[in-house]
C-alpha atoms as a PDB file:
ATOM      1  CA  UNK A   1      -4.455   6.763  -7.896  1.00  0.00           C
ATOM      2  CA  UNK A   2      -3.123   7.401  -4.399  1.00  0.00           C
ATOM      3  CA  UNK A   3       0.008   9.581  -4.423  1.00  0.00           C
ATOM      4  CA  UNK A   4       3.222   7.741  -3.614  1.00  0.00           C
ATOM      5  CA  UNK A   5       5.269   8.085  -0.501  1.00  0.00           C
ATOM      6  CA  UNK A   6       9.008   7.547  -0.773  1.00  0.00           C
ATOM      7  CA  UNK A   7       8.632   4.238   1.084  1.00  0.00           C
ATOM      8  CA  UNK A   8       5.796   2.970  -1.125  1.00  0.00           C
ATOM      9  CA  UNK A   9       7.738   3.972  -4.243  1.00  0.00           C
ATOM     10  CA  UNK A  10      10.793   2.041  -3.040  1.00  0.00           C
ATOM     11  CA  UNK A  11       8.593  -0.959  -2.254  1.00  0.00           C
ATOM     12  CA  UNK A  12       7.219  -0.854  -5.811  1.00  0.00           C
ATOM     13  CA  UNK A  13      10.747  -0.623  -7.219  1.00  0.00           C
ATOM     14  CA  UNK A  14      11.941  -3.562  -5.098  1.00  0.00           C
ATOM     15  CA  UNK A  15       8.995  -5.650  -6.290  1.00  0.00           C
ATOM     16  CA  UNK A  16       9.519  -4.610  -9.936  1.00  0.00           C
ATOM     17  CA  UNK A  17      13.254  -5.345  -9.822  1.00  0.00           C
ATOM     18  CA  UNK A  18      12.631  -8.798  -8.405  1.00  0.00           C
ATOM     19  CA  UNK A  19       9.922  -9.530 -10.985  1.00  0.00           C
ATOM     20  CA  UNK A  20      12.080  -8.353 -13.914  1.00  0.00           C
ATOM     21  CA  UNK A  21      14.971 -10.500 -12.729  1.00  0.00           C
ATOM     22  CA  UNK A  22      12.847 -13.610 -12.133  1.00  0.00           C
ATOM     23  CA  UNK A  23      11.057 -13.158 -15.452  1.00  0.00           C
ATOM     24  CA  UNK A  24      14.378 -12.389 -17.158  1.00  0.00           C
ATOM     25  CA  UNK A  25      12.645  -9.552 -18.978  1.00  0.00           C
ATOM     26  CA  UNK A  26       9.543  -7.399 -19.004  1.00  0.00           C
ATOM     27  CA  UNK A  27       5.922  -7.724 -20.052  1.00  0.00           C
ATOM     28  CA  UNK A  28       4.709  -5.967 -23.203  1.00  0.00           C
ATOM     29  CA  UNK A  29       3.089  -3.166 -21.198  1.00  0.00           C
ATOM     30  CA  UNK A  30       6.334  -2.641 -19.283  1.00  0.00           C
ATOM     31  CA  UNK A  31       8.343  -2.565 -22.525  1.00  0.00           C
ATOM     32  CA  UNK A  32       5.988   0.137 -23.762  1.00  0.00           C
ATOM     33  CA  UNK A  33       6.661   2.176 -20.599  1.00  0.00           C
ATOM     34  CA  UNK A  34      10.410   1.805 -21.153  1.00  0.00           C
ATOM     35  CA  UNK A  35      10.169   2.944 -24.768  1.00  0.00           C
ATOM     36  CA  UNK A  36       8.104   5.956 -23.735  1.00  0.00           C
ATOM     37  CA  UNK A  37      10.598   6.943 -21.020  1.00  0.00           C
ATOM     38  CA  UNK A  38      13.555   6.598 -23.398  1.00  0.00           C
ATOM     39  CA  UNK A  39      11.691   8.557 -26.082  1.00  0.00           C
ATOM     40  CA  UNK A  40      10.978  11.329 -23.600  1.00  0.00           C
ATOM     41  CA  UNK A  41      14.636  11.458 -22.546  1.00  0.00           C
ATOM     42  CA  UNK A  42      15.705  11.512 -26.190  1.00  0.00           C
ATOM     43  CA  UNK A  43      13.248  14.167 -27.364  1.00  0.00           C
ATOM     44  CA  UNK A  44      13.142  16.369 -24.270  1.00  0.00           C
ATOM     45  CA  UNK A  45      10.266  18.534 -23.135  1.00  0.00           C
ATOM     46  CA  UNK A  46       7.057  18.296 -25.137  1.00  0.00           C
ATOM     47  CA  UNK A  47       5.508  21.465 -26.607  1.00  0.00           C
ATOM     48  CA  UNK A  48       3.574  23.399 -23.957  1.00  0.00           C
ATOM     49  CA  UNK A  49       0.305  22.921 -25.829  1.00  0.00           C
ATOM     50  CA  UNK A  50       0.724  19.144 -26.206  1.00  0.00           C
ATOM     51  CA  UNK A  51      -1.729  16.888 -24.399  1.00  0.00           C
ATOM     52  CA  UNK A  52      -0.200  15.840 -21.080  1.00  0.00           C
ATOM     53  CA  UNK A  53       2.764  18.226 -21.467  1.00  0.00           C
ATOM     54  CA  UNK A  54       2.895  19.137 -17.780  1.00  0.00           C
ATOM     55  CA  UNK A  55       2.807  15.496 -16.649  1.00  0.00           C
ATOM     56  CA  UNK A  56       5.451  14.516 -19.205  1.00  0.00           C
ATOM     57  CA  UNK A  57       7.669  17.429 -18.143  1.00  0.00           C
ATOM     58  CA  UNK A  58       7.425  16.395 -14.491  1.00  0.00           C
ATOM     59  CA  UNK A  59       8.280  12.800 -15.454  1.00  0.00           C
ATOM     60  CA  UNK A  60      11.167  13.937 -17.657  1.00  0.00           C
ATOM     61  CA  UNK A  61      12.692  15.981 -14.826  1.00  0.00           C
ATOM     62  CA  UNK A  62      12.439  12.947 -12.549  1.00  0.00           C
ATOM     63  CA  UNK A  63      13.958  10.575 -15.135  1.00  0.00           C
ATOM     64  CA  UNK A  64      16.845  12.947 -15.781  1.00  0.00           C
ATOM     65  CA  UNK A  65      17.639  13.071 -12.076  1.00  0.00           C
ATOM     66  CA  UNK A  66      17.449   9.268 -11.805  1.00  0.00           C
ATOM     67  CA  UNK A  67      19.757   9.000 -14.825  1.00  0.00           C
ATOM     68  CA  UNK A  68      22.206  11.485 -13.334  1.00  0.00           C
ATOM     69  CA  UNK A  69      22.294   9.874  -9.882  1.00  0.00           C
ATOM     70  CA  UNK A  70      21.855   6.186 -10.701  1.00  0.00           C
ATOM     71  CA  UNK A  71      22.351   5.473 -14.389  1.00  0.00           C
ATOM     72  CA  UNK A  72      20.323   3.919 -17.167  1.00  0.00           C
ATOM     73  CA  UNK A  73      19.341   0.629 -15.464  1.00  0.00           C
ATOM     74  CA  UNK A  74      17.522   2.562 -12.726  1.00  0.00           C
ATOM     75  CA  UNK A  75      15.713   4.657 -15.351  1.00  0.00           C
ATOM     76  CA  UNK A  76      14.482   1.361 -16.788  1.00  0.00           C
ATOM     77  CA  UNK A  77      13.384   0.219 -13.326  1.00  0.00           C
ATOM     78  CA  UNK A  78      11.520   3.463 -12.613  1.00  0.00           C
ATOM     79  CA  UNK A  79       9.728   3.229 -15.957  1.00  0.00           C
ATOM     80  CA  UNK A  80       8.692  -0.360 -15.243  1.00  0.00           C
ATOM     81  CA  UNK A  81       7.921  -0.055 -11.544  1.00  0.00           C
ATOM     82  CA  UNK A  82       6.423   3.420 -11.354  1.00  0.00           C
ATOM     83  CA  UNK A  83       5.718   4.965 -14.728  1.00  0.00           C
ATOM     84  CA  UNK A  84       4.588   8.397 -15.805  1.00  0.00           C
ATOM     85  CA  UNK A  85       1.241   8.513 -14.000  1.00  0.00           C
ATOM     86  CA  UNK A  86       2.595   7.603 -10.568  1.00  0.00           C
ATOM     87  CA  UNK A  87       5.453  10.103 -10.810  1.00  0.00           C
ATOM     88  CA  UNK A  88       3.270  12.873 -12.235  1.00  0.00           C
ATOM     89  CA  UNK A  89       0.912  12.756  -9.229  1.00  0.00           C
ATOM     90  CA  UNK A  90       3.626  12.160  -6.621  1.00  0.00           C
ATOM     91  CA  UNK A  91       4.410  14.946  -4.206  1.00  0.00           C
ATOM     92  CA  UNK A  92       7.402  17.051  -5.120  1.00  0.00           C
ATOM     93  CA  UNK A  93       9.271  15.836  -2.032  1.00  0.00           C
ATOM     94  CA  UNK A  94       8.933  12.228  -3.230  1.00  0.00           C
ATOM     95  CA  UNK A  95      10.162  13.131  -6.725  1.00  0.00           C
ATOM     96  CA  UNK A  96      13.121  15.000  -5.247  1.00  0.00           C
ATOM     97  CA  UNK A  97      14.078  12.379  -2.640  1.00  0.00           C
ATOM     98  CA  UNK A  98      13.522   9.165  -4.573  1.00  0.00           C
ATOM     99  CA  UNK A  99      16.580   9.364  -6.876  1.00  0.00           C
ATOM    100  CA  UNK A 100      18.823   9.632  -3.802  1.00  0.00           C
ATOM    101  CA  UNK A 101      16.966   6.856  -1.968  1.00  0.00           C
ATOM    102  CA  UNK A 102      17.401   4.594  -4.991  1.00  0.00           C
ATOM    103  CA  UNK A 103      21.168   5.059  -4.807  1.00  0.00           C
ATOM    104  CA  UNK A 104      21.108   3.758  -1.224  1.00  0.00           C
ATOM    105  CA  UNK A 105      19.430   0.484  -2.243  1.00  0.00           C
ATOM    106  CA  UNK A 106      21.986  -1.512  -4.214  1.00  0.00           C
ATOM    107  CA  UNK A 107      19.639  -4.519  -4.099  1.00  0.00           C
ATOM    108  CA  UNK A 108      17.481  -2.825  -6.766  1.00  0.00           C
ATOM    109  CA  UNK A 109      20.159  -3.389  -9.397  1.00  0.00           C
ATOM    110  CA  UNK A 110      20.346  -6.588 -11.417  1.00  0.00           C
ATOM    111  CA  UNK A 111      21.868  -7.829 -14.694  1.00  0.00           C
ATOM    112  CA  UNK A 112      18.522  -7.932 -16.509  1.00  0.00           C
ATOM    113  CA  UNK A 113      18.046  -4.186 -15.941  1.00  0.00           C
ATOM    114  CA  UNK A 114      21.527  -3.576 -17.374  1.00  0.00           C
ATOM    115  CA  UNK A 115      20.707  -5.663 -20.432  1.00  0.00           C
ATOM    116  CA  UNK A 116      17.412  -3.819 -20.946  1.00  0.00           C
ATOM    117  CA  UNK A 117      19.139  -0.461 -20.502  1.00  0.00           C
ATOM    118  CA  UNK A 118      21.741  -1.376 -23.098  1.00  0.00           C
ATOM    119  CA  UNK A 119      19.068  -2.602 -25.493  1.00  0.00           C
ATOM    120  CA  UNK A 120      16.731   0.378 -25.192  1.00  0.00           C
ATOM    121  CA  UNK A 121      19.251   3.185 -24.890  1.00  0.00           C
ATOM    122  CA  UNK A 122      21.559   1.929 -27.638  1.00  0.00           C
ATOM    123  CA  UNK A 123      18.656   1.590 -30.055  1.00  0.00           C
ATOM    124  CA  UNK A 124      17.881   5.305 -29.753  1.00  0.00           C
ATOM    125  CA  UNK A 125      18.665   7.637 -32.618  1.00  0.00           C
ATOM    126  CA  UNK A 126      20.484  10.262 -30.550  1.00  0.00           C
ATOM    127  CA  UNK A 127      22.139   8.636 -27.518  1.00  0.00           C
ATOM    128  CA  UNK A 128      24.051  11.820 -26.715  1.00  0.00           C
ATOM    129  CA  UNK A 129      20.780  13.444 -25.670  1.00  0.00           C
ATOM    130  CA  UNK A 130      20.418  11.042 -22.742  1.00  0.00           C
ATOM    131  CA  UNK A 131      22.778  13.100 -20.666  1.00  0.00           C
ATOM    132  CA  UNK A 132      26.425  12.707 -20.048  1.00  0.00           C
ATOM    133  CA  UNK A 133      27.981   9.737 -18.347  1.00  0.00           C
ATOM    134  CA  UNK A 134      28.085   9.796 -14.595  1.00  0.00           C
ATOM    135  CA  UNK A 135      31.365  10.594 -12.882  1.00  0.00           C
ATOM    136  CA  UNK A 136      31.654   6.938 -11.908  1.00  0.00           C
ATOM    137  CA  UNK A 137      31.193   5.796 -15.523  1.00  0.00           C
ATOM    138  CA  UNK A 138      33.750   8.343 -16.772  1.00  0.00           C
ATOM    139  CA  UNK A 139      36.206   7.331 -14.062  1.00  0.00           C
ATOM    140  CA  UNK A 140      35.752   3.638 -14.865  1.00  0.00           C
ATOM    141  CA  UNK A 141      36.263   4.251 -18.600  1.00  0.00           C
ATOM    142  CA  UNK A 142      39.339   6.378 -17.912  1.00  0.00           C
ATOM    143  CA  UNK A 143      40.729   3.673 -15.620  1.00  0.00           C
ATOM    144  CA  UNK A 144      40.183   1.019 -18.289  1.00  0.00           C
ATOM    145  CA  UNK A 145      41.917   3.171 -20.903  1.00  0.00           C
ATOM    146  CA  UNK A 146      44.835   3.817 -18.549  1.00  0.00           C
ATOM    147  CA  UNK A 147      45.171   0.091 -17.764  1.00  0.00           C
ATOM    148  CA  UNK A 148      45.105  -0.758 -21.444  1.00  0.00           C
ATOM    149  CA  UNK A 149      47.735   1.856 -22.222  1.00  0.00           C
ATOM    150  CA  UNK A 150      49.943   0.716 -19.334  1.00  0.00           C
ATOM    151  CA  UNK A 151      49.669  -2.880 -20.515  1.00  0.00           C
ATOM    152  CA  UNK A 152      50.791  -1.875 -24.026  1.00  0.00           C
ATOM    153  CA  UNK A 153      53.732   0.095 -22.615  1.00  0.00           C
ATOM    154  CA  UNK A 154      54.719  -2.835 -20.387  1.00  0.00           C
ATOM    155  CA  UNK A 155      54.525  -5.196 -23.374  1.00  0.00           C
ATOM    156  CA  UNK A 156      56.763  -2.925 -25.491  1.00  0.00           C
ATOM    157  CA  UNK A 157      59.271  -2.528 -22.671  1.00  0.00           C
ATOM    158  CA  UNK A 158      59.410  -6.310 -22.161  1.00  0.00           C
ATOM    159  CA  UNK A 159      60.718  -6.843 -25.699  1.00  0.00           C
END
């Protein structure tokens, strides 16, 4: 396998996003990649003596950064479009830059990825281990709670 460049990785993600959206889902092999990525995020680093521990640890670090910078749908996309093997052999600069490059390509996002993220992450046993919500998600939730509270206050004052 030829190591990825940032550009070739983005090209793969663009292609995968388009295919997932047009297919309105993923193939069985892609679903397996998603489950493995979510499992790795849930369980954390494998034991040092486990087969493939170094590769899994590299992949886990990458997935955590993608989750932190871009959210769950982009974790799903990276699992489908790139997978463990491609990330494990990628140069460190690609692994470090790619999460930030993803955030600059809004066209990667689509509703099918959101649905898959909800499905796979909510089915996990310990969702709190996936990392905390992004600032944007926390801000949006806070804004929704504030709007709801203000609406209730307005309703009470109207009577």
